[in-house]
């Protein structure tokens, strides 16, 4: 897939521009299929989470966690 216009990462809001790397996740929402775009950092965090690293769910795009 190639982007033809900028999109925001659904997790952190970072702008993904055409030509930049990104992650795409096909999910099924209540209204039907939905493709979600993630910046590379958030895509990596999702991969870690799916691999069983539960701390990845609370990690920010820079890999830090909120201590509050």
C-alpha atoms as a PDB file:
ATOM      1  CA  UNK A   1       0.000   0.000   0.000  1.00  0.00           C
ATOM      2  CA  UNK A   2       1.262   3.474  -0.819  1.00  0.00           C
ATOM      3  CA  UNK A   3      -0.085   6.574   0.878  1.00  0.00           C
ATOM      4  CA  UNK A   4      -1.198   9.388  -1.398  1.00  0.00           C
ATOM      5  CA  UNK A   5      -1.836  11.867   1.426  1.00  0.00           C
ATOM      6  CA  UNK A   6      -0.689  12.292   5.035  1.00  0.00           C
ATOM      7  CA  UNK A   7      -2.476  10.300   7.743  1.00  0.00           C
ATOM      8  CA  UNK A   8      -2.268  10.446  11.517  1.00  0.00           C
ATOM      9  CA  UNK A   9      -1.208   7.442  13.575  1.00  0.00           C
ATOM     10  CA  UNK A  10      -4.344   6.302  15.411  1.00  0.00           C
ATOM     11  CA  UNK A  11      -2.350   5.607  18.589  1.00  0.00           C
ATOM     12  CA  UNK A  12      -0.067   8.615  19.088  1.00  0.00           C
ATOM     13  CA  UNK A  13      -1.252  11.106  16.449  1.00  0.00           C
ATOM     14  CA  UNK A  14       2.113  11.395  14.646  1.00  0.00           C
ATOM     15  CA  UNK A  15       1.733  12.354  11.000  1.00  0.00           C
ATOM     16  CA  UNK A  16       2.631   9.629   8.504  1.00  0.00           C
ATOM     17  CA  UNK A  17       3.551  11.183   5.163  1.00  0.00           C
ATOM     18  CA  UNK A  18       3.598   9.548   1.712  1.00  0.00           C
ATOM     19  CA  UNK A  19       6.894   7.706   1.273  1.00  0.00           C
ATOM     20  CA  UNK A  20       7.406   7.120   5.012  1.00  0.00           C
ATOM     21  CA  UNK A  21       7.229   3.698   6.638  1.00  0.00           C
ATOM     22  CA  UNK A  22       4.072   2.820   8.572  1.00  0.00           C
ATOM     23  CA  UNK A  23       2.168  -0.126   9.937  1.00  0.00           C
ATOM     24  CA  UNK A  24      -1.297  -1.066   8.689  1.00  0.00           C
ATOM     25  CA  UNK A  25      -3.642  -3.265  10.689  1.00  0.00           C
ATOM     26  CA  UNK A  26      -6.857  -4.677   9.250  1.00  0.00           C
ATOM     27  CA  UNK A  27      -9.455  -4.966  11.976  1.00  0.00           C
ATOM     28  CA  UNK A  28     -13.173  -5.578  12.062  1.00  0.00           C
ATOM     29  CA  UNK A  29     -15.072  -2.799  13.797  1.00  0.00           C
ATOM     30  CA  UNK A  30     -18.826  -2.834  14.554  1.00  0.00           C
ATOM     31  CA  UNK A  31     -19.569  -1.140  11.210  1.00  0.00           C
ATOM     32  CA  UNK A  32     -17.403  -3.465   9.104  1.00  0.00           C
ATOM     33  CA  UNK A  33     -13.784  -3.619   8.016  1.00  0.00           C
ATOM     34  CA  UNK A  34     -11.462  -0.839   9.108  1.00  0.00           C
ATOM     35  CA  UNK A  35      -7.816  -0.370   8.231  1.00  0.00           C
ATOM     36  CA  UNK A  36      -5.804   1.367  10.942  1.00  0.00           C
ATOM     37  CA  UNK A  37      -2.509   3.120  10.203  1.00  0.00           C
ATOM     38  CA  UNK A  38       0.253   3.227  12.801  1.00  0.00           C
ATOM     39  CA  UNK A  39       3.614   4.994  12.839  1.00  0.00           C
ATOM     40  CA  UNK A  40       6.623   2.619  12.983  1.00  0.00           C
ATOM     41  CA  UNK A  41       7.075   3.081  16.759  1.00  0.00           C
ATOM     42  CA  UNK A  42       3.436   2.283  17.530  1.00  0.00           C
ATOM     43  CA  UNK A  43       3.468  -0.641  15.088  1.00  0.00           C
ATOM     44  CA  UNK A  44       6.502  -2.028  16.942  1.00  0.00           C
ATOM     45  CA  UNK A  45       4.726  -1.558  20.296  1.00  0.00           C
ATOM     46  CA  UNK A  46       1.704  -3.433  18.946  1.00  0.00           C
ATOM     47  CA  UNK A  47       3.945  -6.252  17.735  1.00  0.00           C
ATOM     48  CA  UNK A  48       5.571  -6.516  21.193  1.00  0.00           C
ATOM     49  CA  UNK A  49       2.136  -6.517  22.843  1.00  0.00           C
ATOM     50  CA  UNK A  50       0.853  -9.246  20.521  1.00  0.00           C
ATOM     51  CA  UNK A  51       3.987 -11.244  21.256  1.00  0.00           C
ATOM     52  CA  UNK A  52       3.043 -11.212  24.964  1.00  0.00           C
ATOM     53  CA  UNK A  53       4.955  -8.191  26.283  1.00  0.00           C
ATOM     54  CA  UNK A  54       2.081  -6.597  28.212  1.00  0.00           C
ATOM     55  CA  UNK A  55       4.221  -3.563  29.168  1.00  0.00           C
ATOM     56  CA  UNK A  56       4.258  -2.552  25.479  1.00  0.00           C
ATOM     57  CA  UNK A  57       0.581  -1.563  25.696  1.00  0.00           C
ATOM     58  CA  UNK A  58       1.375   1.336  28.035  1.00  0.00           C
ATOM     59  CA  UNK A  59       4.580   2.400  26.279  1.00  0.00           C
ATOM     60  CA  UNK A  60       4.672   5.716  24.499  1.00  0.00           C
ATOM     61  CA  UNK A  61       6.001   6.128  20.973  1.00  0.00           C
ATOM     62  CA  UNK A  62       9.479   6.685  22.417  1.00  0.00           C
ATOM     63  CA  UNK A  63       9.296   3.413  24.382  1.00  0.00           C
ATOM     64  CA  UNK A  64       8.849   5.100  27.786  1.00  0.00           C
ATOM     65  CA  UNK A  65       5.994   4.336  30.141  1.00  0.00           C
ATOM     66  CA  UNK A  66       3.844   6.684  32.158  1.00  0.00           C
ATOM     67  CA  UNK A  67       4.831   6.199  35.815  1.00  0.00           C
ATOM     68  CA  UNK A  68       1.658   7.823  37.187  1.00  0.00           C
END
